[in-house]
C-alpha atoms as a PDB file:
ATOM      1  CA  MET A   1      24.472 -21.081 -56.508  1.00  0.00           C
ATOM      2  CA  SER A   2      26.805 -18.094 -56.429  1.00  0.00           C
ATOM      3  CA  GLY A   3      29.919 -19.835 -55.165  1.00  0.00           C
ATOM      4  CA  VAL A   4      31.626 -23.084 -54.353  1.00  0.00           C
ATOM      5  CA  LEU A   5      30.705 -24.715 -51.050  1.00  0.00           C
ATOM      6  CA  VAL A   6      33.696 -25.655 -48.879  1.00  0.00           C
ATOM      7  CA  LEU A   7      33.303 -28.585 -46.486  1.00  0.00           C
ATOM      8  CA  ASN A   8      35.533 -29.508 -43.581  1.00  0.00           C
ATOM      9  CA  THR A   9      36.970 -33.030 -43.526  1.00  0.00           C
ATOM     10  CA  ASP A  10      34.026 -34.140 -41.370  1.00  0.00           C
ATOM     11  CA  ASN A  11      31.655 -32.846 -44.114  1.00  0.00           C
ATOM     12  CA  THR A  12      30.379 -29.849 -42.145  1.00  0.00           C
ATOM     13  CA  ALA A  13      29.847 -26.768 -44.298  1.00  0.00           C
ATOM     14  CA  LEU A  14      32.343 -23.972 -43.588  1.00  0.00           C
ATOM     15  CA  HIS A  15      31.654 -21.262 -46.177  1.00  0.00           C
ATOM     16  CA  THR A  16      31.467 -20.534 -49.891  1.00  0.00           C
ATOM     17  CA  VAL A  17      34.252 -19.220 -52.080  1.00  0.00           C
ATOM     18  CA  SER A  18      34.525 -17.900 -55.629  1.00  0.00           C
ATOM     19  CA  ILE A  19      35.449 -20.191 -58.529  1.00  0.00           C
ATOM     20  CA  LYS A  20      38.837 -18.437 -58.720  1.00  0.00           C
ATOM     21  CA  HIS A  21      39.497 -19.103 -55.032  1.00  0.00           C
ATOM     22  CA  ALA A  22      38.300 -22.705 -55.392  1.00  0.00           C
ATOM     23  CA  ILE A  23      40.722 -23.364 -58.271  1.00  0.00           C
ATOM     24  CA  GLY A  24      43.499 -21.834 -56.156  1.00  0.00           C
ATOM     25  CA  MET A  25      42.648 -24.279 -53.378  1.00  0.00           C
ATOM     26  CA  LEU A  26      42.849 -27.167 -55.839  1.00  0.00           C
ATOM     27  CA  VAL A  27      46.197 -25.964 -57.208  1.00  0.00           C
ATOM     28  CA  ARG A  28      47.594 -25.666 -53.644  1.00  0.00           C
ATOM     29  CA  GLU A  29      46.158 -29.135 -52.918  1.00  0.00           C
ATOM     30  CA  VAL A  30      44.374 -28.017 -49.746  1.00  0.00           C
ATOM     31  CA  ALA A  31      41.022 -29.301 -51.037  1.00  0.00           C
ATOM     32  CA  ILE A  32      39.591 -31.957 -53.333  1.00  0.00           C
ATOM     33  CA  VAL A  33      36.523 -31.823 -55.566  1.00  0.00           C
ATOM     34  CA  GLU A  34      33.598 -33.509 -53.853  1.00  0.00           C
ATOM     35  CA  GLU A  35      31.029 -32.566 -56.515  1.00  0.00           C
ATOM     36  CA  ALA A  36      31.586 -31.073 -59.967  1.00  0.00           C
ATOM     37  CA  LYS A  37      29.547 -29.667 -62.842  1.00  0.00           C
ATOM     38  CA  GLU A  38      29.252 -32.475 -65.355  1.00  0.00           C
ATOM     39  CA  GLY A  39      30.966 -31.834 -68.690  1.00  0.00           C
ATOM     40  CA  HIS A  40      32.663 -28.610 -67.542  1.00  0.00           C
ATOM     41  CA  ALA A  41      36.305 -28.095 -66.669  1.00  0.00           C
ATOM     42  CA  ILE A  42      38.732 -25.300 -65.912  1.00  0.00           C
ATOM     43  CA  GLY A  43      42.070 -26.394 -67.323  1.00  0.00           C
ATOM     44  CA  PRO A  44      42.902 -29.787 -65.842  1.00  0.00           C
ATOM     45  CA  TYR A  45      40.347 -29.366 -63.008  1.00  0.00           C
ATOM     46  CA  PRO A  46      36.649 -30.233 -63.080  1.00  0.00           C
ATOM     47  CA  TRP A  47      34.324 -27.234 -62.491  1.00  0.00           C
ATOM     48  CA  PRO A  48      33.818 -27.489 -58.700  1.00  0.00           C
ATOM     49  CA  ILE A  49      30.438 -27.154 -56.999  1.00  0.00           C
ATOM     50  CA  VAL A  50      31.552 -28.583 -53.638  1.00  0.00           C
ATOM     51  CA  LEU A  51      35.105 -28.861 -52.248  1.00  0.00           C
ATOM     52  CA  ARG A  52      36.258 -30.822 -49.212  1.00  0.00           C
ATOM     53  CA  LEU A  53      39.341 -29.756 -47.286  1.00  0.00           C
ATOM     54  CA  VAL A  54      42.234 -32.186 -47.021  1.00  0.00           C
ATOM     55  CA  ARG A  55      43.036 -31.219 -43.402  1.00  0.00           C
ATOM     56  CA  TYR A  56      40.548 -30.582 -40.602  1.00  0.00           C
ATOM     57  CA  VAL A  57      40.006 -26.935 -39.600  1.00  0.00           C
ATOM     58  CA  LYS A  58      38.961 -26.262 -35.995  1.00  0.00           C
ATOM     59  CA  THR A  59      35.849 -24.095 -35.879  1.00  0.00           C
ATOM     60  CA  ALA A  60      35.029 -23.922 -32.159  1.00  0.00           C
ATOM     61  CA  PHE A  61      36.059 -20.252 -32.066  1.00  0.00           C
ATOM     62  CA  LEU A  62      33.218 -19.420 -34.472  1.00  0.00           C
ATOM     63  CA  TYR A  63      30.648 -20.563 -31.934  1.00  0.00           C
ATOM     64  CA  ALA A  64      32.046 -18.841 -28.846  1.00  0.00           C
ATOM     65  CA  ARG A  65      29.477 -16.549 -27.219  1.00  0.00           C
ATOM     66  CA  ALA A  66      31.549 -13.381 -27.188  1.00  0.00           C
ATOM     67  CA  PRO A  67      35.049 -12.569 -28.362  1.00  0.00           C
ATOM     68  CA  GLY A  68      37.780 -12.134 -25.774  1.00  0.00           C
ATOM     69  CA  TRP A  69      38.300  -8.646 -24.360  1.00  0.00           C
ATOM     70  CA  THR A  70      41.064  -6.507 -25.853  1.00  0.00           C
ATOM     71  CA  LYS A  71      41.779  -2.776 -25.869  1.00  0.00           C
ATOM     72  CA  ARG A  72      41.694  -2.811 -29.651  1.00  0.00           C
ATOM     73  CA  GLY A  73      38.308  -4.548 -29.493  1.00  0.00           C
ATOM     74  CA  VAL A  74      36.884  -1.858 -27.167  1.00  0.00           C
ATOM     75  CA  LEU A  75      38.062   0.914 -29.502  1.00  0.00           C
ATOM     76  CA  LYS A  76      36.579  -0.941 -32.450  1.00  0.00           C
ATOM     77  CA  ARG A  77      33.280  -1.569 -30.635  1.00  0.00           C
ATOM     78  CA  ASP A  78      32.966   2.120 -29.730  1.00  0.00           C
ATOM     79  CA  ARG A  79      34.188   3.237 -33.182  1.00  0.00           C
ATOM     80  CA  HIS A  80      37.038   5.255 -31.638  1.00  0.00           C
ATOM     81  CA  THR A  81      34.468   7.615 -30.091  1.00  0.00           C
ATOM     82  CA  CYS A  82      35.081   8.996 -26.593  1.00  0.00           C
ATOM     83  CA  ALA A  83      32.306   7.857 -24.257  1.00  0.00           C
ATOM     84  CA  TYR A  84      32.500  11.161 -22.355  1.00  0.00           C
ATOM     85  CA  CYS A  85      32.884  13.975 -24.919  1.00  0.00           C
ATOM     86  CA  GLY A  86      32.190  12.256 -28.260  1.00  0.00           C
ATOM     87  CA  GLY A  87      35.623  13.163 -29.662  1.00  0.00           C
ATOM     88  CA  TYR A  88      38.222  10.831 -31.149  1.00  0.00           C
ATOM     89  CA  ALA A  89      39.191   8.126 -28.656  1.00  0.00           C
ATOM     90  CA  ASN A  90      42.714   6.765 -28.559  1.00  0.00           C
ATOM     91  CA  THR A  91      42.666   4.896 -25.240  1.00  0.00           C
ATOM     92  CA  VAL A  92      40.465   2.743 -23.026  1.00  0.00           C
ATOM     93  CA  ASP A  93      38.970   3.846 -19.705  1.00  0.00           C
ATOM     94  CA  HIS A  94      37.841   1.545 -16.880  1.00  0.00           C
ATOM     95  CA  LEU A  95      34.470   2.537 -15.397  1.00  0.00           C
ATOM     96  CA  VAL A  96      35.473   0.965 -12.082  1.00  0.00           C
ATOM     97  CA  PRO A  97      39.209   1.762 -11.991  1.00  0.00           C
ATOM     98  CA  GLN A  98      41.700  -1.084 -11.949  1.00  0.00           C
ATOM     99  CA  SER A  99      43.151   0.407  -8.751  1.00  0.00           C
ATOM    100  CA  ARG A 100      39.794  -0.454  -7.115  1.00  0.00           C
ATOM    101  CA  GLY A 101      39.616  -3.951  -8.524  1.00  0.00           C
ATOM    102  CA  GLY A 102      37.841  -3.141 -11.794  1.00  0.00           C
ATOM    103  CA  PRO A 103      38.398  -5.930 -14.325  1.00  0.00           C
ATOM    104  CA  ASN A 104      39.452  -5.801 -17.949  1.00  0.00           C
ATOM    105  CA  SER A 105      36.028  -6.686 -19.335  1.00  0.00           C
ATOM    106  CA  TRP A 106      33.602  -5.520 -22.000  1.00  0.00           C
ATOM    107  CA  LEU A 107      31.149  -4.202 -19.389  1.00  0.00           C
ATOM    108  CA  ASN A 108      33.770  -2.269 -17.408  1.00  0.00           C
ATOM    109  CA  THR A 109      35.573  -0.471 -20.247  1.00  0.00           C
ATOM    110  CA  VAL A 110      34.756   2.264 -22.735  1.00  0.00           C
ATOM    111  CA  SER A 111      36.859   4.151 -25.242  1.00  0.00           C
ATOM    112  CA  ALA A 112      38.046   7.607 -24.211  1.00  0.00           C
ATOM    113  CA  CYS A 113      40.217  10.442 -25.417  1.00  0.00           C
ATOM    114  CA  SER A 114      43.344  11.188 -23.383  1.00  0.00           C
ATOM    115  CA  PRO A 115      42.041  14.473 -21.838  1.00  0.00           C
ATOM    116  CA  CYS A 116      38.830  12.806 -20.593  1.00  0.00           C
ATOM    117  CA  ASN A 117      40.753   9.786 -19.341  1.00  0.00           C
ATOM    118  CA  LEU A 118      43.130  12.048 -17.393  1.00  0.00           C
ATOM    119  CA  THR A 119      40.241  14.122 -15.997  1.00  0.00           C
ATOM    120  CA  LYS A 120      38.425  11.020 -14.747  1.00  0.00           C
ATOM    121  CA  ALA A 121      41.649   9.573 -13.323  1.00  0.00           C
ATOM    122  CA  ASP A 122      41.051   6.796 -10.744  1.00  0.00           C
ATOM    123  CA  ARG A 123      37.434   7.696 -10.017  1.00  0.00           C
ATOM    124  CA  THR A 124      34.140   6.323 -11.280  1.00  0.00           C
ATOM    125  CA  PRO A 125      32.261   8.466 -13.825  1.00  0.00           C
ATOM    126  CA  ASP A 126      29.771   9.523 -11.096  1.00  0.00           C
ATOM    127  CA  GLU A 127      32.545  10.580  -8.718  1.00  0.00           C
ATOM    128  CA  ALA A 128      34.221  12.562 -11.507  1.00  0.00           C
ATOM    129  CA  GLY A 129      30.911  14.160 -12.527  1.00  0.00           C
ATOM    130  CA  MET A 130      31.264  12.788 -16.070  1.00  0.00           C
ATOM    131  CA  ARG A 131      28.231  11.468 -17.935  1.00  0.00           C
ATOM    132  CA  LEU A 132      28.556   8.520 -20.334  1.00  0.00           C
ATOM    133  CA  LEU A 133      27.221   9.144 -23.846  1.00  0.00           C
ATOM    134  CA  PHE A 134      26.735   5.405 -24.394  1.00  0.00           C
ATOM    135  CA  LYS A 135      26.776   2.211 -22.333  1.00  0.00           C
ATOM    136  CA  ALA A 136      29.461  -0.461 -22.341  1.00  0.00           C
ATOM    137  CA  TYR A 137      28.322  -3.840 -23.669  1.00  0.00           C
ATOM    138  CA  ALA A 138      29.762  -7.135 -24.861  1.00  0.00           C
ATOM    139  CA  PRO A 139      29.744  -7.147 -28.694  1.00  0.00           C
ATOM    140  CA  SER A 140      29.220 -10.218 -30.816  1.00  0.00           C
ATOM    141  CA  ARG A 141      32.024 -11.613 -32.923  1.00  0.00           C
ATOM    142  CA  ALA A 142      30.087 -10.632 -36.072  1.00  0.00           C
ATOM    143  CA  GLU A 143      29.683  -7.046 -34.889  1.00  0.00           C
ATOM    144  CA  LEU A 144      33.418  -6.621 -34.370  1.00  0.00           C
ATOM    145  CA  ALA A 145      34.145  -8.194 -37.754  1.00  0.00           C
ATOM    146  CA  LEU A 146      31.930  -5.633 -39.496  1.00  0.00           C
ATOM    147  CA  ARG A 147      33.616  -2.620 -37.918  1.00  0.00           C
END
């Protein structure tokens, strides 16, 4: 095993951490040793194999289908690339403008550079004669974490 398994107070596995991190958790008294390597110790602490947290950590957010929409999230999803010209994007554009009832959602927003955003104004891409280089989509939480 490459790390130390960390369990929540209800004994559900959360993640693994390094030995150094595990010892830090023991020093801060946020976890206790549930299982240790027999005959091995690090200072006053037994060599941990499994730790259990002292306080419960809510994990419901980890299982949500998609992360909540944010402008920063859209820019991250699109890697700061303008959906119209491919240049550096510094803002978010609504495909169906907000003035026409377009929502703040993953499927209605793309990243855009300021000149393209101003050119499109309060029109749809078709009305403005602007072609999208890529489609808007709802990213997974893991995808956003990797970018």
